[in-house]
Amino acid sequence: MECHQHFARMQPHHFKPHDIWQGNSGLSITSNCTSYAGLYQDFQGNPGTELVIGENNDLQIDFGKEIDCVMLDFYVVSNCPWLDEDDLIECDYLGISTDLLDAPPLYWLTLSGQSGTEYVPGVFASTPTRQLLLGPFRKLTISTKQASTLHIPALSWRPVLRH
């Protein structure tokens, strides 16, 4: 049985530090806000709201039970160039194409559960995309860096089936 949390029809809501927001699908969200996090109007102009995690923030999603996997629908908004002028000059001097270099992660995902903790670098995507996270785990913590904001319109997960 797959569970879903779509944020588009939710009322806008600002998460205060350490407050717990309960989703209608059984998950709970807690933010350790140093900037902002909450349910805000869709950044791309689509109708409805989305879960937004501002820069330098830790947001924890607790699924209430061990889950097998989660599919995260997301995109990243960032105004932080990852190569400064000195980097560009050095790449040019060495004859290295900057297209071949990967940008550093703008956020990290921490998967925590009975089997331990795993750290996964976040994938950069400036347009809506999906990332599959394999479990089992119970909690997903999303940690954003400076000058990046993570936007999540929806997520889906599958609980672990015990036989």
N, C-alpha and C. Protein backbone atom coordinates (compact mmCIF):
# COMPACT_ATOMS: atom_id res chain seq x y z
N MET A 1 0.84 -1.18 0.00
CA MET A 1 0.00 0.00 0.00
C MET A 1 0.89 1.24 0.00
N GLU A 2 0.71 2.09 -0.98
CA GLU A 2 1.50 3.30 -1.09
C GLU A 2 0.76 4.47 -0.43
N CYS A 3 1.51 5.32 0.27
CA CYS A 3 0.95 6.50 0.92
C CYS A 3 1.44 7.74 0.19
N HIS A 4 0.63 8.78 0.20
CA HIS A 4 0.97 10.01 -0.51
C HIS A 4 0.72 11.22 0.38
N GLN A 5 1.53 12.26 0.19
CA GLN A 5 1.26 13.55 0.80
C GLN A 5 1.45 14.60 -0.29
N HIS A 6 0.34 15.14 -0.77
CA HIS A 6 0.36 16.22 -1.75
C HIS A 6 0.13 17.51 -0.98
N PHE A 7 0.99 18.49 -1.19
CA PHE A 7 0.90 19.73 -0.44
C PHE A 7 0.09 20.81 -1.15
N ALA A 8 -0.32 20.59 -2.39
CA ALA A 8 -0.96 21.61 -3.22
C ALA A 8 -2.26 22.14 -2.62
N ARG A 9 -3.02 21.31 -1.92
CA ARG A 9 -4.32 21.74 -1.40
C ARG A 9 -4.27 22.16 0.06
N MET A 10 -3.08 22.24 0.62
CA MET A 10 -2.94 22.62 2.02
C MET A 10 -3.01 24.15 2.16
N GLN A 11 -3.47 24.59 3.32
CA GLN A 11 -3.47 26.01 3.62
C GLN A 11 -2.03 26.46 3.88
N PRO A 12 -1.64 27.65 3.40
CA PRO A 12 -0.29 28.14 3.70
C PRO A 12 -0.07 28.14 5.22
N HIS A 13 1.13 27.74 5.61
CA HIS A 13 1.44 27.61 7.04
C HIS A 13 2.94 27.79 7.23
N HIS A 14 3.33 28.71 8.11
CA HIS A 14 4.75 28.91 8.44
C HIS A 14 5.10 28.00 9.61
N PHE A 15 6.17 27.20 9.47
CA PHE A 15 6.60 26.32 10.55
C PHE A 15 7.47 27.12 11.52
N LYS A 16 7.06 27.15 12.77
CA LYS A 16 7.88 27.77 13.82
C LYS A 16 8.87 26.72 14.31
N PRO A 17 10.03 27.16 14.83
CA PRO A 17 11.02 26.18 15.29
C PRO A 17 10.43 25.20 16.30
N HIS A 18 10.66 23.93 16.04
CA HIS A 18 10.30 22.81 16.91
C HIS A 18 8.80 22.53 17.00
N ASP A 19 7.96 23.29 16.29
CA ASP A 19 6.54 22.94 16.21
C ASP A 19 6.40 21.69 15.35
N ILE A 20 5.37 20.91 15.61
CA ILE A 20 5.13 19.69 14.84
C ILE A 20 3.87 19.90 14.00
N TRP A 21 4.02 19.69 12.68
CA TRP A 21 2.89 19.76 11.76
C TRP A 21 2.49 18.35 11.40
N GLN A 22 1.21 18.02 11.57
CA GLN A 22 0.70 16.68 11.27
C GLN A 22 0.06 16.67 9.89
N GLY A 23 0.53 15.80 9.01
CA GLY A 23 -0.07 15.65 7.69
C GLY A 23 -1.28 14.75 7.75
N ASN A 24 -2.15 14.86 6.76
CA ASN A 24 -3.35 14.02 6.74
C ASN A 24 -3.04 12.58 6.36
N SER A 25 -1.79 12.31 6.01
CA SER A 25 -1.39 10.96 5.60
C SER A 25 -0.64 10.21 6.70
N GLY A 26 -0.53 10.82 7.90
CA GLY A 26 0.12 10.14 9.01
C GLY A 26 1.54 10.60 9.29
N LEU A 27 2.14 11.36 8.39
CA LEU A 27 3.50 11.83 8.67
C LEU A 27 3.45 13.10 9.51
N SER A 28 4.57 13.39 10.18
CA SER A 28 4.69 14.64 10.93
C SER A 28 5.98 15.33 10.50
N ILE A 29 5.95 16.66 10.52
CA ILE A 29 7.08 17.46 10.07
C ILE A 29 7.47 18.42 11.18
N THR A 30 8.78 18.46 11.48
CA THR A 30 9.34 19.38 12.46
C THR A 30 10.48 20.14 11.80
N SER A 31 10.52 21.45 12.01
CA SER A 31 11.58 22.26 11.42
C SER A 31 12.42 22.91 12.51
N ASN A 32 13.74 22.90 12.32
CA ASN A 32 14.65 23.65 13.17
C ASN A 32 15.04 24.89 12.39
N CYS A 33 14.08 25.81 12.25
CA CYS A 33 14.22 26.95 11.35
C CYS A 33 15.34 27.89 11.78
N THR A 34 16.25 28.15 10.87
CA THR A 34 17.17 29.26 11.03
C THR A 34 16.83 30.32 10.00
N SER A 35 16.06 29.94 8.99
CA SER A 35 15.54 30.92 8.04
C SER A 35 14.02 30.73 8.00
N TYR A 36 13.52 29.97 7.06
CA TYR A 36 12.08 29.74 7.00
C TYR A 36 11.79 28.37 6.42
N ALA A 37 10.64 27.85 6.78
CA ALA A 37 10.14 26.59 6.24
C ALA A 37 8.64 26.59 6.45
N GLY A 38 7.94 25.91 5.56
CA GLY A 38 6.50 25.83 5.71
C GLY A 38 5.82 25.48 4.41
N LEU A 39 4.52 25.66 4.41
CA LEU A 39 3.71 25.45 3.22
C LEU A 39 3.44 26.82 2.62
N TYR A 40 4.01 27.07 1.45
CA TYR A 40 3.92 28.38 0.81
C TYR A 40 3.37 28.24 -0.60
N GLN A 41 2.94 29.36 -1.15
CA GLN A 41 2.44 29.40 -2.53
C GLN A 41 3.49 28.84 -3.47
N ASP A 42 3.05 28.07 -4.45
CA ASP A 42 3.95 27.45 -5.43
C ASP A 42 4.82 28.51 -6.09
N PHE A 43 6.14 28.31 -6.05
CA PHE A 43 7.13 29.27 -6.57
C PHE A 43 7.04 29.42 -8.08
N GLN A 44 6.65 28.36 -8.78
CA GLN A 44 6.62 28.38 -10.24
C GLN A 44 5.29 28.88 -10.80
N GLY A 45 4.41 29.33 -9.93
CA GLY A 45 3.15 29.90 -10.39
C GLY A 45 2.02 28.92 -10.56
N ASN A 46 2.24 27.66 -10.23
CA ASN A 46 1.16 26.68 -10.28
C ASN A 46 0.18 26.95 -9.14
N PRO A 47 -1.09 26.57 -9.31
CA PRO A 47 -2.03 26.79 -8.22
C PRO A 47 -1.69 25.91 -7.01
N GLY A 48 -1.92 26.45 -5.83
CA GLY A 48 -1.71 25.67 -4.61
C GLY A 48 -0.41 25.97 -3.90
N THR A 49 -0.12 25.11 -2.93
CA THR A 49 1.05 25.29 -2.07
C THR A 49 2.02 24.13 -2.25
N GLU A 50 3.20 24.31 -1.69
CA GLU A 50 4.23 23.26 -1.68
C GLU A 50 5.02 23.40 -0.39
N LEU A 51 5.66 22.34 0.02
CA LEU A 51 6.54 22.36 1.18
C LEU A 51 7.83 23.05 0.76
N VAL A 52 8.22 24.11 1.46
CA VAL A 52 9.42 24.87 1.12
C VAL A 52 10.36 24.85 2.32
N ILE A 53 11.63 24.52 2.05
CA ILE A 53 12.65 24.49 3.10
C ILE A 53 13.70 25.52 2.72
N GLY A 54 13.77 26.60 3.50
CA GLY A 54 14.70 27.69 3.21
C GLY A 54 16.13 27.32 3.53
N GLU A 55 17.03 28.25 3.23
CA GLU A 55 18.47 28.01 3.38
C GLU A 55 18.86 27.79 4.84
N ASN A 56 19.94 27.06 5.04
CA ASN A 56 20.49 26.77 6.38
C ASN A 56 19.42 26.24 7.33
N ASN A 57 18.75 25.19 6.93
CA ASN A 57 17.63 24.69 7.70
C ASN A 57 17.69 23.17 7.80
N ASP A 58 17.18 22.64 8.87
CA ASP A 58 16.98 21.20 9.04
C ASP A 58 15.49 20.96 9.23
N LEU A 59 14.93 20.13 8.39
CA LEU A 59 13.52 19.79 8.49
C LEU A 59 13.41 18.28 8.55
N GLN A 60 12.70 17.78 9.56
CA GLN A 60 12.57 16.33 9.74
C GLN A 60 11.15 15.87 9.41
N ILE A 61 11.07 14.85 8.58
CA ILE A 61 9.80 14.20 8.26
C ILE A 61 9.81 12.84 8.94
N ASP A 62 8.87 12.64 9.85
CA ASP A 62 8.74 11.37 10.57
C ASP A 62 7.52 10.65 9.99
N PHE A 63 7.75 9.47 9.43
CA PHE A 63 6.67 8.72 8.79
C PHE A 63 5.86 7.90 9.78
N GLY A 64 6.28 7.85 11.04
CA GLY A 64 5.54 7.14 12.08
C GLY A 64 5.77 5.65 12.12
N LYS A 65 6.44 5.11 11.12
CA LYS A 65 6.78 3.69 11.05
C LYS A 65 7.89 3.53 10.03
N GLU A 66 8.52 2.36 10.04
CA GLU A 66 9.58 2.09 9.05
C GLU A 66 8.96 2.07 7.65
N ILE A 67 9.65 2.70 6.72
CA ILE A 67 9.18 2.68 5.34
C ILE A 67 10.22 2.02 4.44
N ASP A 68 9.74 1.46 3.36
CA ASP A 68 10.59 0.74 2.41
C ASP A 68 11.29 1.70 1.45
N CYS A 69 10.58 2.74 1.01
CA CYS A 69 11.16 3.72 0.09
C CYS A 69 10.29 4.96 0.07
N VAL A 70 10.86 6.06 -0.42
CA VAL A 70 10.12 7.30 -0.60
C VAL A 70 10.49 7.89 -1.96
N MET A 71 9.49 8.41 -2.65
CA MET A 71 9.70 9.11 -3.91
C MET A 71 9.46 10.59 -3.62
N LEU A 72 10.50 11.38 -3.79
CA LEU A 72 10.46 12.80 -3.48
C LEU A 72 10.31 13.59 -4.77
N ASP A 73 9.21 14.33 -4.93
CA ASP A 73 9.04 15.26 -6.05
C ASP A 73 9.59 16.60 -5.56
N PHE A 74 10.52 17.19 -6.30
CA PHE A 74 11.17 18.40 -5.80
C PHE A 74 11.82 19.20 -6.92
N TYR A 75 12.24 20.42 -6.55
CA TYR A 75 13.15 21.22 -7.36
C TYR A 75 13.88 22.16 -6.41
N VAL A 76 15.01 22.68 -6.86
CA VAL A 76 15.87 23.53 -6.04
C VAL A 76 15.92 24.92 -6.67
N VAL A 77 15.80 25.94 -5.83
CA VAL A 77 16.01 27.32 -6.26
C VAL A 77 17.26 27.80 -5.56
N SER A 78 18.24 28.28 -6.33
CA SER A 78 19.50 28.72 -5.75
C SER A 78 20.05 29.90 -6.54
N ASN A 79 20.60 30.86 -5.81
CA ASN A 79 21.27 31.98 -6.46
C ASN A 79 22.77 31.97 -6.12
N CYS A 80 23.26 30.79 -5.80
CA CYS A 80 24.65 30.64 -5.39
C CYS A 80 25.47 30.02 -6.52
N PRO A 81 26.32 30.81 -7.18
CA PRO A 81 27.20 30.20 -8.18
C PRO A 81 28.23 29.32 -7.47
N TRP A 82 28.38 28.10 -7.92
CA TRP A 82 29.27 27.19 -7.21
C TRP A 82 30.71 27.32 -7.67
N LEU A 83 30.95 27.99 -8.78
CA LEU A 83 32.32 28.27 -9.21
C LEU A 83 32.53 29.78 -9.17
N ASP A 84 33.51 30.22 -8.38
CA ASP A 84 33.79 31.65 -8.36
C ASP A 84 34.77 32.00 -9.48
N GLU A 85 35.12 33.26 -9.58
CA GLU A 85 35.98 33.72 -10.68
C GLU A 85 37.34 33.04 -10.67
N ASP A 86 37.93 32.84 -9.48
CA ASP A 86 39.23 32.16 -9.39
C ASP A 86 39.13 30.72 -9.90
N ASP A 87 38.03 30.03 -9.57
CA ASP A 87 37.83 28.66 -10.07
C ASP A 87 37.75 28.64 -11.59
N LEU A 88 37.02 29.58 -12.16
CA LEU A 88 36.88 29.65 -13.62
C LEU A 88 38.22 29.91 -14.30
N ILE A 89 39.03 30.80 -13.72
CA ILE A 89 40.36 31.10 -14.27
C ILE A 89 41.25 29.86 -14.21
N GLU A 90 41.21 29.15 -13.07
CA GLU A 90 42.02 27.94 -12.91
C GLU A 90 41.60 26.85 -13.90
N CYS A 91 40.29 26.67 -14.08
CA CYS A 91 39.81 25.68 -15.04
C CYS A 91 40.26 26.04 -16.46
N ASP A 92 40.19 27.31 -16.79
CA ASP A 92 40.62 27.76 -18.12
C ASP A 92 42.11 27.51 -18.30
N TYR A 93 42.91 27.82 -17.28
CA TYR A 93 44.37 27.63 -17.33
C TYR A 93 44.71 26.14 -17.51
N LEU A 94 43.98 25.27 -16.81
CA LEU A 94 44.24 23.84 -16.88
C LEU A 94 43.58 23.16 -18.08
N GLY A 95 42.76 23.91 -18.80
CA GLY A 95 42.08 23.35 -19.97
C GLY A 95 40.94 22.42 -19.61
N ILE A 96 40.33 22.64 -18.44
CA ILE A 96 39.23 21.80 -17.97
C ILE A 96 37.91 22.50 -18.28
N SER A 97 36.99 21.78 -18.91
CA SER A 97 35.67 22.32 -19.18
C SER A 97 34.85 22.30 -17.89
N THR A 98 34.27 23.43 -17.53
CA THR A 98 33.45 23.47 -16.31
C THR A 98 32.18 22.63 -16.45
N ASP A 99 31.79 22.29 -17.69
CA ASP A 99 30.62 21.43 -17.90
C ASP A 99 30.85 20.02 -17.36
N LEU A 100 32.12 19.63 -17.22
CA LEU A 100 32.45 18.29 -16.74
C LEU A 100 32.46 18.18 -15.22
N LEU A 101 32.38 19.31 -14.55
CA LEU A 101 32.45 19.33 -13.09
C LEU A 101 31.05 19.28 -12.50
N ASP A 102 30.89 18.51 -11.45
CA ASP A 102 29.61 18.44 -10.75
C ASP A 102 29.54 19.51 -9.68
N ALA A 103 28.38 20.13 -9.58
CA ALA A 103 28.17 21.12 -8.52
C ALA A 103 28.10 20.40 -7.17
N PRO A 104 28.59 21.03 -6.10
CA PRO A 104 28.48 20.41 -4.79
C PRO A 104 27.01 20.36 -4.37
N PRO A 105 26.64 19.41 -3.50
CA PRO A 105 25.24 19.32 -3.08
C PRO A 105 24.80 20.59 -2.34
N LEU A 106 23.59 21.05 -2.63
CA LEU A 106 23.04 22.22 -1.96
C LEU A 106 22.18 21.83 -0.76
N TYR A 107 21.95 20.52 -0.61
CA TYR A 107 21.24 20.01 0.56
C TYR A 107 21.65 18.56 0.77
N TRP A 108 21.41 18.06 1.99
CA TRP A 108 21.73 16.68 2.35
C TRP A 108 20.48 16.01 2.88
N LEU A 109 20.38 14.72 2.65
CA LEU A 109 19.28 13.92 3.16
C LEU A 109 19.84 12.92 4.17
N THR A 110 19.24 12.86 5.34
CA THR A 110 19.64 11.90 6.37
C THR A 110 18.49 10.93 6.57
N LEU A 111 18.75 9.65 6.32
CA LEU A 111 17.75 8.60 6.48
C LEU A 111 18.04 7.87 7.78
N SER A 112 17.11 7.89 8.73
CA SER A 112 17.33 7.28 10.05
C SER A 112 16.25 6.25 10.35
N GLY A 113 16.68 5.12 10.87
CA GLY A 113 15.74 4.07 11.23
C GLY A 113 16.39 3.03 12.11
N GLN A 114 15.73 1.88 12.28
CA GLN A 114 16.24 0.81 13.13
C GLN A 114 17.57 0.27 12.63
N SER A 115 17.78 0.31 11.33
CA SER A 115 19.01 -0.26 10.77
C SER A 115 20.17 0.74 10.74
N GLY A 116 19.97 1.95 11.26
CA GLY A 116 21.06 2.92 11.32
C GLY A 116 20.72 4.21 10.60
N THR A 117 21.78 4.95 10.28
CA THR A 117 21.65 6.26 9.65
C THR A 117 22.48 6.30 8.38
N GLU A 118 21.91 6.88 7.33
CA GLU A 118 22.61 7.02 6.06
C GLU A 118 22.50 8.47 5.60
N TYR A 119 23.61 9.02 5.08
CA TYR A 119 23.65 10.39 4.58
C TYR A 119 23.73 10.35 3.06
N VAL A 120 22.83 11.07 2.39
CA VAL A 120 22.76 11.06 0.94
C VAL A 120 22.84 12.51 0.44
N PRO A 121 23.77 12.81 -0.47
CA PRO A 121 23.80 14.17 -1.03
C PRO A 121 22.56 14.42 -1.88
N GLY A 122 22.01 15.62 -1.77
CA GLY A 122 20.84 15.97 -2.56
C GLY A 122 21.19 16.21 -4.01
N VAL A 123 20.30 15.83 -4.88
CA VAL A 123 20.47 16.00 -6.32
C VAL A 123 20.03 17.42 -6.69
N PHE A 124 20.82 18.12 -7.51
CA PHE A 124 20.42 19.45 -7.94
C PHE A 124 19.49 19.34 -9.14
N ALA A 125 18.36 20.01 -9.07
CA ALA A 125 17.42 20.04 -10.18
C ALA A 125 16.68 21.37 -10.13
N SER A 126 16.86 22.21 -11.14
CA SER A 126 16.18 23.50 -11.16
C SER A 126 14.77 23.40 -11.74
N THR A 127 14.44 22.25 -12.30
CA THR A 127 13.08 21.99 -12.78
C THR A 127 12.53 20.79 -12.01
N PRO A 128 11.21 20.66 -11.92
CA PRO A 128 10.64 19.55 -11.14
C PRO A 128 11.18 18.19 -11.59
N THR A 129 11.60 17.42 -10.61
CA THR A 129 12.14 16.08 -10.86
C THR A 129 11.78 15.18 -9.69
N ARG A 130 12.24 13.94 -9.73
CA ARG A 130 11.97 12.98 -8.67
C ARG A 130 13.27 12.32 -8.22
N GLN A 131 13.31 11.95 -6.95
CA GLN A 131 14.43 11.20 -6.41
C GLN A 131 13.87 10.07 -5.56
N LEU A 132 14.32 8.84 -5.84
CA LEU A 132 13.90 7.67 -5.09
C LEU A 132 14.91 7.41 -3.99
N LEU A 133 14.42 7.31 -2.75
CA LEU A 133 15.27 7.00 -1.60
C LEU A 133 14.85 5.64 -1.06
N LEU A 134 15.80 4.71 -1.02
CA LEU A 134 15.51 3.35 -0.59
C LEU A 134 15.75 3.19 0.91
N GLY A 135 14.91 2.44 1.57
CA GLY A 135 14.99 2.23 3.00
C GLY A 135 15.57 0.88 3.33
N PRO A 136 15.24 0.39 4.51
CA PRO A 136 14.20 0.93 5.37
C PRO A 136 14.71 2.07 6.24
N PHE A 137 13.82 3.01 6.53
CA PHE A 137 14.08 4.09 7.47
C PHE A 137 12.75 4.63 7.97
N ARG A 138 12.80 5.39 9.05
CA ARG A 138 11.60 5.93 9.67
C ARG A 138 11.52 7.45 9.54
N LYS A 139 12.70 8.09 9.57
CA LYS A 139 12.75 9.56 9.53
C LYS A 139 13.66 10.02 8.40
N LEU A 140 13.23 11.10 7.75
CA LEU A 140 14.00 11.74 6.70
C LEU A 140 14.27 13.17 7.14
N THR A 141 15.55 13.52 7.29
CA THR A 141 15.91 14.89 7.62
C THR A 141 16.53 15.53 6.39
N ILE A 142 16.02 16.70 6.04
CA ILE A 142 16.52 17.45 4.89
C ILE A 142 17.25 18.67 5.44
N SER A 143 18.53 18.78 5.10
CA SER A 143 19.38 19.88 5.58
C SER A 143 19.82 20.71 4.39
N THR A 144 19.37 21.96 4.35
CA THR A 144 19.73 22.84 3.24
C THR A 144 20.94 23.69 3.59
N LYS A 145 21.66 24.10 2.55
CA LYS A 145 22.83 24.97 2.73
C LYS A 145 22.45 26.40 2.40
N GLN A 146 23.43 27.28 2.54
CA GLN A 146 23.22 28.70 2.26
C GLN A 146 22.87 28.91 0.78
N ALA A 147 21.98 29.84 0.53
CA ALA A 147 21.58 30.29 -0.81
C ALA A 147 20.88 29.20 -1.62
N SER A 148 20.24 28.25 -0.95
CA SER A 148 19.46 27.26 -1.68
C SER A 148 18.15 26.99 -0.93
N THR A 149 17.10 26.81 -1.69
CA THR A 149 15.78 26.52 -1.15
C THR A 149 15.24 25.29 -1.85
N LEU A 150 14.75 24.34 -1.08
CA LEU A 150 14.20 23.11 -1.63
C LEU A 150 12.68 23.21 -1.62
N HIS A 151 12.05 22.90 -2.77
CA HIS A 151 10.60 22.97 -2.93
C HIS A 151 10.08 21.56 -3.20
N ILE A 152 9.12 21.12 -2.38
CA ILE A 152 8.57 19.76 -2.49
C ILE A 152 7.05 19.86 -2.67
N PRO A 153 6.56 19.65 -3.90
CA PRO A 153 5.12 19.65 -4.11
C PRO A 153 4.43 18.40 -3.54
N ALA A 154 5.13 17.26 -3.53
CA ALA A 154 4.51 16.01 -3.07
C ALA A 154 5.58 14.98 -2.76
N LEU A 155 5.20 13.98 -1.97
CA LEU A 155 6.05 12.81 -1.76
C LEU A 155 5.17 11.60 -1.56
N SER A 156 5.72 10.45 -1.91
CA SER A 156 5.01 9.17 -1.79
C SER A 156 5.94 8.18 -1.11
N TRP A 157 5.38 7.27 -0.32
CA TRP A 157 6.21 6.27 0.35
C TRP A 157 5.44 4.98 0.50
N ARG A 158 6.21 3.93 0.75
CA ARG A 158 5.64 2.60 0.94
C ARG A 158 6.14 2.05 2.27
N PRO A 159 5.23 1.73 3.20
CA PRO A 159 5.64 1.16 4.48
C PRO A 159 6.29 -0.21 4.28
N VAL A 160 7.18 -0.57 5.20
CA VAL A 160 7.80 -1.90 5.19
C VAL A 160 6.72 -2.92 5.53
N LEU A 161 6.65 -3.97 4.75
CA LEU A 161 5.70 -5.05 5.02
C LEU A 161 6.38 -6.13 5.83
N ARG A 162 5.84 -6.45 6.98
CA ARG A 162 6.36 -7.50 7.85
C ARG A 162 5.59 -8.78 7.58
N HIS A 163 6.28 -9.90 7.45
CA HIS A 163 5.61 -11.18 7.19
C HIS A 163 5.63 -12.03 8.44
